[in-house]
Amino acid sequence: MQAEAERIVCDVEAMAVGQDVRTFILSGDPVQEIIKFSTAKNANLIIVGTQGKHGLERFILGSVAEGIVRLAPCPVLVVKDETA
């Protein structure tokens, strides 16, 4: 999983050439870690992807994006996965 995270970070950094983008890899409960980190860094914006699950699947798995939106200390931009 760490290798996949590092590959994704490299892809994001490559797309953001010339922009002030900082990437970080965190471990733990996604919602709690993102909220703690964004609070500690005094983030201006959180951007989070969503797979667009609904119904029973979402109920069972929960929603990281929804948790972040509810608890975030700053605005959150939720981007739907284009394949969802």
PDB file of N, CA and C in Angstrom:
ATOM      1  N   MET A   1       0.827  -1.189   0.000  1.00  0.00           N
ATOM      2  CA  MET A   1       0.000   0.000   0.000  1.00  0.00           C
ATOM      3  C   MET A   1       0.875   1.259   0.000  1.00  0.00           C
ATOM      4  N   GLN A   2       1.986   1.238   0.705  1.00  0.00           N
ATOM      5  CA  GLN A   2       2.899   2.381   0.741  1.00  0.00           C
ATOM      6  C   GLN A   2       3.425   2.695  -0.658  1.00  0.00           C
ATOM      7  N   ALA A   3       3.760   1.655  -1.412  1.00  0.00           N
ATOM      8  CA  ALA A   3       4.280   1.861  -2.769  1.00  0.00           C
ATOM      9  C   ALA A   3       3.224   2.515  -3.658  1.00  0.00           C
ATOM     10  N   GLU A   4       1.967   2.089  -3.528  1.00  0.00           N
ATOM     11  CA  GLU A   4       0.898   2.690  -4.318  1.00  0.00           C
ATOM     12  C   GLU A   4       0.696   4.153  -3.935  1.00  0.00           C
ATOM     13  N   ALA A   5       0.745   4.447  -2.640  1.00  0.00           N
ATOM     14  CA  ALA A   5       0.609   5.831  -2.175  1.00  0.00           C
ATOM     15  C   ALA A   5       1.728   6.700  -2.742  1.00  0.00           C
ATOM     16  N   GLU A   6       2.943   6.179  -2.727  1.00  0.00           N
ATOM     17  CA  GLU A   6       4.075   6.944  -3.260  1.00  0.00           C
ATOM     18  C   GLU A   6       3.938   7.177  -4.762  1.00  0.00           C
ATOM     19  N   ARG A   7       3.402   6.188  -5.489  1.00  0.00           N
ATOM     20  CA  ARG A   7       3.186   6.347  -6.930  1.00  0.00           C
ATOM     21  C   ARG A   7       2.148   7.439  -7.190  1.00  0.00           C
ATOM     22  N   ILE A   8       1.089   7.445  -6.415  1.00  0.00           N
ATOM     23  CA  ILE A   8       0.044   8.454  -6.580  1.00  0.00           C
ATOM     24  C   ILE A   8       0.588   9.842  -6.275  1.00  0.00           C
ATOM     25  N   VAL A   9       1.396   9.968  -5.221  1.00  0.00           N
ATOM     26  CA  VAL A   9       2.003  11.250  -4.876  1.00  0.00           C
ATOM     27  C   VAL A   9       2.881  11.742  -6.024  1.00  0.00           C
ATOM     28  N   CYS A  10       3.661  10.857  -6.598  1.00  0.00           N
ATOM     29  CA  CYS A  10       4.508  11.247  -7.737  1.00  0.00           C
ATOM     30  C   CYS A  10       3.663  11.725  -8.912  1.00  0.00           C
ATOM     31  N   ASP A  11       2.549  11.047  -9.171  1.00  0.00           N
ATOM     32  CA  ASP A  11       1.659  11.456 -10.262  1.00  0.00           C
ATOM     33  C   ASP A  11       1.082  12.845 -10.014  1.00  0.00           C
ATOM     34  N   VAL A  12       0.644  13.095  -8.790  1.00  0.00           N
ATOM     35  CA  VAL A  12       0.074  14.399  -8.439  1.00  0.00           C
ATOM     36  C   VAL A  12       1.126  15.484  -8.584  1.00  0.00           C
ATOM     37  N   GLU A  13       2.322  15.231  -8.069  1.00  0.00           N
ATOM     38  CA  GLU A  13       3.394  16.230  -8.168  1.00  0.00           C
ATOM     39  C   GLU A  13       3.758  16.509  -9.617  1.00  0.00           C
ATOM     40  N   ALA A  14       3.740  15.483 -10.465  1.00  0.00           N
ATOM     41  CA  ALA A  14       4.062  15.667 -11.880  1.00  0.00           C
ATOM     42  C   ALA A  14       3.012  16.536 -12.577  1.00  0.00           C
ATOM     43  N   MET A  15       1.754  16.384 -12.189  1.00  0.00           N
ATOM     44  CA  MET A  15       0.684  17.188 -12.797  1.00  0.00           C
ATOM     45  C   MET A  15       0.709  18.630 -12.310  1.00  0.00           C
ATOM     46  N   ALA A  16       1.329  18.884 -11.191  1.00  0.00           N
ATOM     47  CA  ALA A  16       1.279  20.207 -10.564  1.00  0.00           C
ATOM     48  C   ALA A  16       2.547  21.023 -10.798  1.00  0.00           C
ATOM     49  N   VAL A  17       3.252  20.749 -11.853  1.00  0.00           N
ATOM     50  CA  VAL A  17       4.495  21.467 -12.140  1.00  0.00           C
ATOM     51  C   VAL A  17       4.227  22.967 -12.173  1.00  0.00           C
ATOM     52  N   GLY A  18       5.031  23.719 -11.445  1.00  0.00           N
ATOM     53  CA  GLY A  18       4.895  25.167 -11.397  1.00  0.00           C
ATOM     54  C   GLY A  18       3.899  25.652 -10.361  1.00  0.00           C
ATOM     55  N   GLN A  19       3.244  24.742  -9.658  1.00  0.00           N
ATOM     56  CA  GLN A  19       2.266  25.105  -8.639  1.00  0.00           C
ATOM     57  C   GLN A  19       2.846  24.831  -7.248  1.00  0.00           C
ATOM     58  N   ASP A  20       2.340  25.534  -6.273  1.00  0.00           N
ATOM     59  CA  ASP A  20       2.773  25.320  -4.891  1.00  0.00           C
ATOM     60  C   ASP A  20       1.910  24.226  -4.275  1.00  0.00           C
ATOM     61  N   VAL A  21       2.289  22.977  -4.528  1.00  0.00           N
ATOM     62  CA  VAL A  21       1.542  21.822  -4.039  1.00  0.00           C
ATOM     63  C   VAL A  21       2.448  21.025  -3.121  1.00  0.00           C
ATOM     64  N   ARG A  22       1.902  20.670  -1.964  1.00  0.00           N
ATOM     65  CA  ARG A  22       2.651  19.843  -1.018  1.00  0.00           C
ATOM     66  C   ARG A  22       1.870  18.560  -0.804  1.00  0.00           C
ATOM     67  N   THR A  23       2.552  17.445  -0.887  1.00  0.00           N
ATOM     68  CA  THR A  23       1.895  16.155  -0.715  1.00  0.00           C
ATOM     69  C   THR A  23       2.463  15.460   0.511  1.00  0.00           C
ATOM     70  N   PHE A  24       1.597  14.682   1.180  1.00  0.00           N
ATOM     71  CA  PHE A  24       1.986  13.957   2.386  1.00  0.00           C
ATOM     72  C   PHE A  24       1.298  12.608   2.374  1.00  0.00           C
ATOM     73  N   ILE A  25       1.945  11.620   2.948  1.00  0.00           N
ATOM     74  CA  ILE A  25       1.344  10.298   3.106  1.00  0.00           C
ATOM     75  C   ILE A  25       1.151  10.062   4.598  1.00  0.00           C
ATOM     76  N   LEU A  26      -0.102   9.793   4.995  1.00  0.00           N
ATOM     77  CA  LEU A  26      -0.447   9.577   6.402  1.00  0.00           C
ATOM     78  C   LEU A  26      -0.919   8.139   6.588  1.00  0.00           C
ATOM     79  N   SER A  27      -0.799   7.635   7.799  1.00  0.00           N
ATOM     80  CA  SER A  27      -1.288   6.298   8.123  1.00  0.00           C
ATOM     81  C   SER A  27      -2.300   6.388   9.248  1.00  0.00           C
ATOM     82  N   GLY A  28      -3.303   5.528   9.216  1.00  0.00           N
ATOM     83  CA  GLY A  28      -4.308   5.495  10.266  1.00  0.00           C
ATOM     84  C   GLY A  28      -5.693   5.660   9.692  1.00  0.00           C
ATOM     85  N   ASP A  29      -6.644   5.996  10.546  1.00  0.00           N
ATOM     86  CA  ASP A  29      -8.012   6.232  10.104  1.00  0.00           C
ATOM     87  C   ASP A  29      -8.021   7.460   9.206  1.00  0.00           C
ATOM     88  N   PRO A  30      -8.452   7.321   7.947  1.00  0.00           N
ATOM     89  CA  PRO A  30      -8.352   8.428   6.998  1.00  0.00           C
ATOM     90  C   PRO A  30      -9.003   9.721   7.472  1.00  0.00           C
ATOM     91  N   VAL A  31     -10.220   9.652   7.971  1.00  0.00           N
ATOM     92  CA  VAL A  31     -10.912  10.870   8.386  1.00  0.00           C
ATOM     93  C   VAL A  31     -10.160  11.547   9.524  1.00  0.00           C
ATOM     94  N   GLN A  32      -9.860  10.799  10.560  1.00  0.00           N
ATOM     95  CA  GLN A  32      -9.199  11.389  11.730  1.00  0.00           C
ATOM     96  C   GLN A  32      -7.824  11.947  11.381  1.00  0.00           C
ATOM     97  N   GLU A  33      -7.060  11.224  10.583  1.00  0.00           N
ATOM     98  CA  GLU A  33      -5.710  11.689  10.221  1.00  0.00           C
ATOM     99  C   GLU A  33      -5.759  12.948   9.367  1.00  0.00           C
ATOM    100  N   ILE A  34      -6.678  13.001   8.417  1.00  0.00           N
ATOM    101  CA  ILE A  34      -6.793  14.185   7.557  1.00  0.00           C
ATOM    102  C   ILE A  34      -7.253  15.390   8.370  1.00  0.00           C
ATOM    103  N   ILE A  35      -8.195  15.192   9.282  1.00  0.00           N
ATOM    104  CA  ILE A  35      -8.670  16.298  10.118  1.00  0.00           C
ATOM    105  C   ILE A  35      -7.546  16.791  11.030  1.00  0.00           C
ATOM    106  N   LYS A  36      -6.839  15.886  11.691  1.00  0.00           N
ATOM    107  CA  LYS A  36      -5.721  16.287  12.570  1.00  0.00           C
ATOM    108  C   LYS A  36      -4.652  17.038  11.784  1.00  0.00           C
ATOM    109  N   PHE A  37      -4.287  16.501  10.630  1.00  0.00           N
ATOM    110  CA  PHE A  37      -3.229  17.092   9.822  1.00  0.00           C
ATOM    111  C   PHE A  37      -3.628  18.466   9.299  1.00  0.00           C
ATOM    112  N   SER A  38      -4.842  18.572   8.774  1.00  0.00           N
ATOM    113  CA  SER A  38      -5.275  19.863   8.219  1.00  0.00           C
ATOM    114  C   SER A  38      -5.404  20.922   9.314  1.00  0.00           C
ATOM    115  N   THR A  39      -5.782  20.506  10.503  1.00  0.00           N
ATOM    116  CA  THR A  39      -5.849  21.442  11.625  1.00  0.00           C
ATOM    117  C   THR A  39      -4.449  21.889  12.029  1.00  0.00           C
ATOM    118  N   ALA A  40      -3.530  20.948  12.145  1.00  0.00           N
ATOM    119  CA  ALA A  40      -2.154  21.265  12.546  1.00  0.00           C
ATOM    120  C   ALA A  40      -1.454  22.168  11.524  1.00  0.00           C
ATOM    121  N   LYS A  41      -1.750  21.962  10.251  1.00  0.00           N
ATOM    122  CA  LYS A  41      -1.112  22.746   9.187  1.00  0.00           C
ATOM    123  C   LYS A  41      -1.884  24.011   8.840  1.00  0.00           C
ATOM    124  N   ASN A  42      -3.017  24.246   9.525  1.00  0.00           N
ATOM    125  CA  ASN A  42      -3.850  25.412   9.243  1.00  0.00           C
ATOM    126  C   ASN A  42      -4.199  25.476   7.754  1.00  0.00           C
ATOM    127  N   ALA A  43      -4.689  24.352   7.242  1.00  0.00           N
ATOM    128  CA  ALA A  43      -4.990  24.227   5.812  1.00  0.00           C
ATOM    129  C   ALA A  43      -6.070  25.208   5.381  1.00  0.00           C
ATOM    130  N   ASN A  44      -5.950  25.679   4.144  1.00  0.00           N
ATOM    131  CA  ASN A  44      -6.946  26.568   3.550  1.00  0.00           C
ATOM    132  C   ASN A  44      -8.032  25.794   2.814  1.00  0.00           C
ATOM    133  N   LEU A  45      -7.695  24.579   2.368  1.00  0.00           N
ATOM    134  CA  LEU A  45      -8.609  23.783   1.556  1.00  0.00           C
ATOM    135  C   LEU A  45      -8.186  22.330   1.612  1.00  0.00           C
ATOM    136  N   ILE A  46      -9.164  21.445   1.689  1.00  0.00           N
ATOM    137  CA  ILE A  46      -8.922  20.010   1.565  1.00  0.00           C
ATOM    138  C   ILE A  46      -9.617  19.563   0.287  1.00  0.00           C
ATOM    139  N   ILE A  47      -8.897  18.832  -0.545  1.00  0.00           N
ATOM    140  CA  ILE A  47      -9.483  18.260  -1.752  1.00  0.00           C
ATOM    141  C   ILE A  47      -9.492  16.755  -1.561  1.00  0.00           C
ATOM    142  N   VAL A  48     -10.663  16.158  -1.716  1.00  0.00           N
ATOM    143  CA  VAL A  48     -10.796  14.720  -1.490  1.00  0.00           C
ATOM    144  C   VAL A  48     -11.617  14.108  -2.617  1.00  0.00           C
ATOM    145  N   GLY A  49     -11.199  12.942  -3.063  1.00  0.00           N
ATOM    146  CA  GLY A  49     -11.938  12.220  -4.086  1.00  0.00           C
ATOM    147  C   GLY A  49     -12.991  11.330  -3.462  1.00  0.00           C
ATOM    148  N   THR A  50     -13.994  10.997  -4.255  1.00  0.00           N
ATOM    149  CA  THR A  50     -15.027  10.071  -3.805  1.00  0.00           C
ATOM    150  C   THR A  50     -15.307   9.079  -4.910  1.00  0.00           C
ATOM    151  N   GLN A  51     -15.658   7.878  -4.508  1.00  0.00           N
ATOM    152  CA  GLN A  51     -15.973   6.842  -5.491  1.00  0.00           C
ATOM    153  C   GLN A  51     -17.446   6.840  -5.857  1.00  0.00           C
ATOM    154  N   GLY A  52     -18.228   7.693  -5.207  1.00  0.00           N
ATOM    155  CA  GLY A  52     -19.637   7.818  -5.565  1.00  0.00           C
ATOM    156  C   GLY A  52     -20.492   6.625  -5.155  1.00  0.00           C
ATOM    157  N   LYS A  53     -20.120   5.945  -4.089  1.00  0.00           N
ATOM    158  CA  LYS A  53     -20.917   4.808  -3.622  1.00  0.00           C
ATOM    159  C   LYS A  53     -22.178   5.331  -2.949  1.00  0.00           C
ATOM    160  N   HIS A  54     -23.255   4.540  -3.037  1.00  0.00           N
ATOM    161  CA  HIS A  54     -24.471   4.919  -2.337  1.00  0.00           C
ATOM    162  C   HIS A  54     -25.223   3.666  -1.889  1.00  0.00           C
ATOM    163  N   GLY A  55     -26.280   3.887  -1.179  1.00  0.00           N
ATOM    164  CA  GLY A  55     -27.099   2.776  -0.709  1.00  0.00           C
ATOM    165  C   GLY A  55     -26.400   1.933   0.345  1.00  0.00           C
ATOM    166  N   LEU A  56     -26.650   0.638   0.304  1.00  0.00           N
ATOM    167  CA  LEU A  56     -26.131  -0.287   1.304  1.00  0.00           C
ATOM    168  C   LEU A  56     -24.600  -0.319   1.306  1.00  0.00           C
ATOM    169  N   GLU A  57     -23.981  -0.254   0.135  1.00  0.00           N
ATOM    170  CA  GLU A  57     -22.521  -0.282   0.058  1.00  0.00           C
ATOM    171  C   GLU A  57     -21.919   0.876   0.848  1.00  0.00           C
ATOM    172  N   ARG A  58     -22.470   2.072   0.717  1.00  0.00           N
ATOM    173  CA  ARG A  58     -21.968   3.235   1.444  1.00  0.00           C
ATOM    174  C   ARG A  58     -22.229   3.096   2.933  1.00  0.00           C
ATOM    175  N   PHE A  59     -23.403   2.575   3.288  1.00  0.00           N
ATOM    176  CA  PHE A  59     -23.753   2.395   4.695  1.00  0.00           C
ATOM    177  C   PHE A  59     -22.775   1.451   5.376  1.00  0.00           C
ATOM    178  N   ILE A  60     -22.425   0.373   4.722  1.00  0.00           N
ATOM    179  CA  ILE A  60     -21.521  -0.623   5.306  1.00  0.00           C
ATOM    180  C   ILE A  60     -20.092  -0.092   5.363  1.00  0.00           C
ATOM    181  N   LEU A  61     -19.634   0.517   4.307  1.00  0.00           N
ATOM    182  CA  LEU A  61     -18.251   0.963   4.224  1.00  0.00           C
ATOM    183  C   LEU A  61     -18.020   2.334   4.845  1.00  0.00           C
ATOM    184  N   GLY A  62     -19.074   3.126   5.004  1.00  0.00           N
ATOM    185  CA  GLY A  62     -18.901   4.486   5.485  1.00  0.00           C
ATOM    186  C   GLY A  62     -18.425   5.376   4.352  1.00  0.00           C
ATOM    187  N   SER A  63     -18.238   6.629   4.628  1.00  0.00           N
ATOM    188  CA  SER A  63     -17.794   7.556   3.599  1.00  0.00           C
ATOM    189  C   SER A  63     -16.708   8.457   4.165  1.00  0.00           C
ATOM    190  N   VAL A  64     -15.498   8.267   3.664  1.00  0.00           N
ATOM    191  CA  VAL A  64     -14.384   9.110   4.106  1.00  0.00           C
ATOM    192  C   VAL A  64     -14.659  10.556   3.730  1.00  0.00           C
ATOM    193  N   ALA A  65     -15.103  10.776   2.512  1.00  0.00           N
ATOM    194  CA  ALA A  65     -15.367  12.150   2.070  1.00  0.00           C
ATOM    195  C   ALA A  65     -16.413  12.818   2.956  1.00  0.00           C
ATOM    196  N   GLU A  66     -17.473  12.106   3.288  1.00  0.00           N
ATOM    197  CA  GLU A  66     -18.516  12.689   4.128  1.00  0.00           C
ATOM    198  C   GLU A  66     -17.981  13.025   5.516  1.00  0.00           C
ATOM    199  N   GLY A  67     -17.182  12.130   6.078  1.00  0.00           N
ATOM    200  CA  GLY A  67     -16.593  12.386   7.390  1.00  0.00           C
ATOM    201  C   GLY A  67     -15.708  13.615   7.385  1.00  0.00           C
ATOM    202  N   ILE A  68     -14.937  13.776   6.320  1.00  0.00           N
ATOM    203  CA  ILE A  68     -14.059  14.939   6.205  1.00  0.00           C
ATOM    204  C   ILE A  68     -14.883  16.213   6.073  1.00  0.00           C
ATOM    205  N   VAL A  69     -15.914  16.172   5.238  1.00  0.00           N
ATOM    206  CA  VAL A  69     -16.769  17.355   5.066  1.00  0.00           C
ATOM    207  C   VAL A  69     -17.384  17.764   6.403  1.00  0.00           C
ATOM    208  N   ARG A  70     -17.822  16.799   7.180  1.00  0.00           N
ATOM    209  CA  ARG A  70     -18.485  17.106   8.459  1.00  0.00           C
ATOM    210  C   ARG A  70     -17.529  17.673   9.504  1.00  0.00           C
ATOM    211  N   LEU A  71     -16.276  17.224   9.506  1.00  0.00           N
ATOM    212  CA  LEU A  71     -15.353  17.577  10.585  1.00  0.00           C
ATOM    213  C   LEU A  71     -14.261  18.566  10.210  1.00  0.00           C
ATOM    214  N   ALA A  72     -14.128  18.893   8.948  1.00  0.00           N
ATOM    215  CA  ALA A  72     -13.005  19.712   8.482  1.00  0.00           C
ATOM    216  C   ALA A  72     -13.013  21.119   9.083  1.00  0.00           C
ATOM    217  N   PRO A  73     -11.814  21.630   9.366  1.00  0.00           N
ATOM    218  CA  PRO A  73     -11.678  22.985   9.892  1.00  0.00           C
ATOM    219  C   PRO A  73     -11.637  24.045   8.787  1.00  0.00           C
ATOM    220  N   CYS A  74     -11.776  23.613   7.532  1.00  0.00           N
ATOM    221  CA  CYS A  74     -11.685  24.524   6.395  1.00  0.00           C
ATOM    222  C   CYS A  74     -12.597  23.999   5.284  1.00  0.00           C
ATOM    223  N   PRO A  75     -12.748  24.741   4.189  1.00  0.00           N
ATOM    224  CA  PRO A  75     -13.565  24.250   3.076  1.00  0.00           C
ATOM    225  C   PRO A  75     -13.020  22.930   2.511  1.00  0.00           C
ATOM    226  N   VAL A  76     -13.933  22.123   1.974  1.00  0.00           N
ATOM    227  CA  VAL A  76     -13.575  20.837   1.377  1.00  0.00           C
ATOM    228  C   VAL A  76     -14.137  20.790  -0.037  1.00  0.00           C
ATOM    229  N   LEU A  77     -13.294  20.428  -0.986  1.00  0.00           N
ATOM    230  CA  LEU A  77     -13.713  20.220  -2.366  1.00  0.00           C
ATOM    231  C   LEU A  77     -13.753  18.717  -2.594  1.00  0.00           C
ATOM    232  N   VAL A  78     -14.943  18.191  -2.904  1.00  0.00           N
ATOM    233  CA  VAL A  78     -15.106  16.767  -3.151  1.00  0.00           C
ATOM    234  C   VAL A  78     -15.212  16.561  -4.644  1.00  0.00           C
ATOM    235  N   VAL A  79     -14.344  15.680  -5.168  1.00  0.00           N
ATOM    236  CA  VAL A  79     -14.280  15.417  -6.602  1.00  0.00           C
ATOM    237  C   VAL A  79     -14.692  13.979  -6.839  1.00  0.00           C
ATOM    238  N   LYS A  80     -15.715  13.797  -7.667  1.00  0.00           N
ATOM    239  CA  LYS A  80     -16.201  12.455  -7.968  1.00  0.00           C
ATOM    240  C   LYS A  80     -15.270  11.764  -8.958  1.00  0.00           C
ATOM    241  N   ASP A  81     -14.982  10.504  -8.678  1.00  0.00           N
ATOM    242  CA  ASP A  81     -14.170   9.691  -9.576  1.00  0.00           C
ATOM    243  C   ASP A  81     -14.883   9.587 -10.918  1.00  0.00           C
ATOM    244  N   GLU A  82     -14.201   9.894 -11.997  1.00  0.00           N
ATOM    245  CA  GLU A  82     -14.845   9.901 -13.310  1.00  0.00           C
ATOM    246  C   GLU A  82     -15.290   8.511 -13.759  1.00  0.00           C
ATOM    247  N   THR A  83     -14.762   7.457 -13.140  1.00  0.00           N
ATOM    248  CA  THR A  83     -15.153   6.101 -13.522  1.00  0.00           C
ATOM    249  C   THR A  83     -16.323   5.596 -12.690  1.00  0.00           C
ATOM    250  N   ALA A  84     -16.740   6.374 -11.679  1.00  0.00           N
ATOM    251  CA  ALA A  84     -17.814   5.915 -10.775  1.00  0.00           C
ATOM    252  C   ALA A  84     -19.171   6.081 -11.417  1.00  0.00           C
TER     253      ALA A  84
END
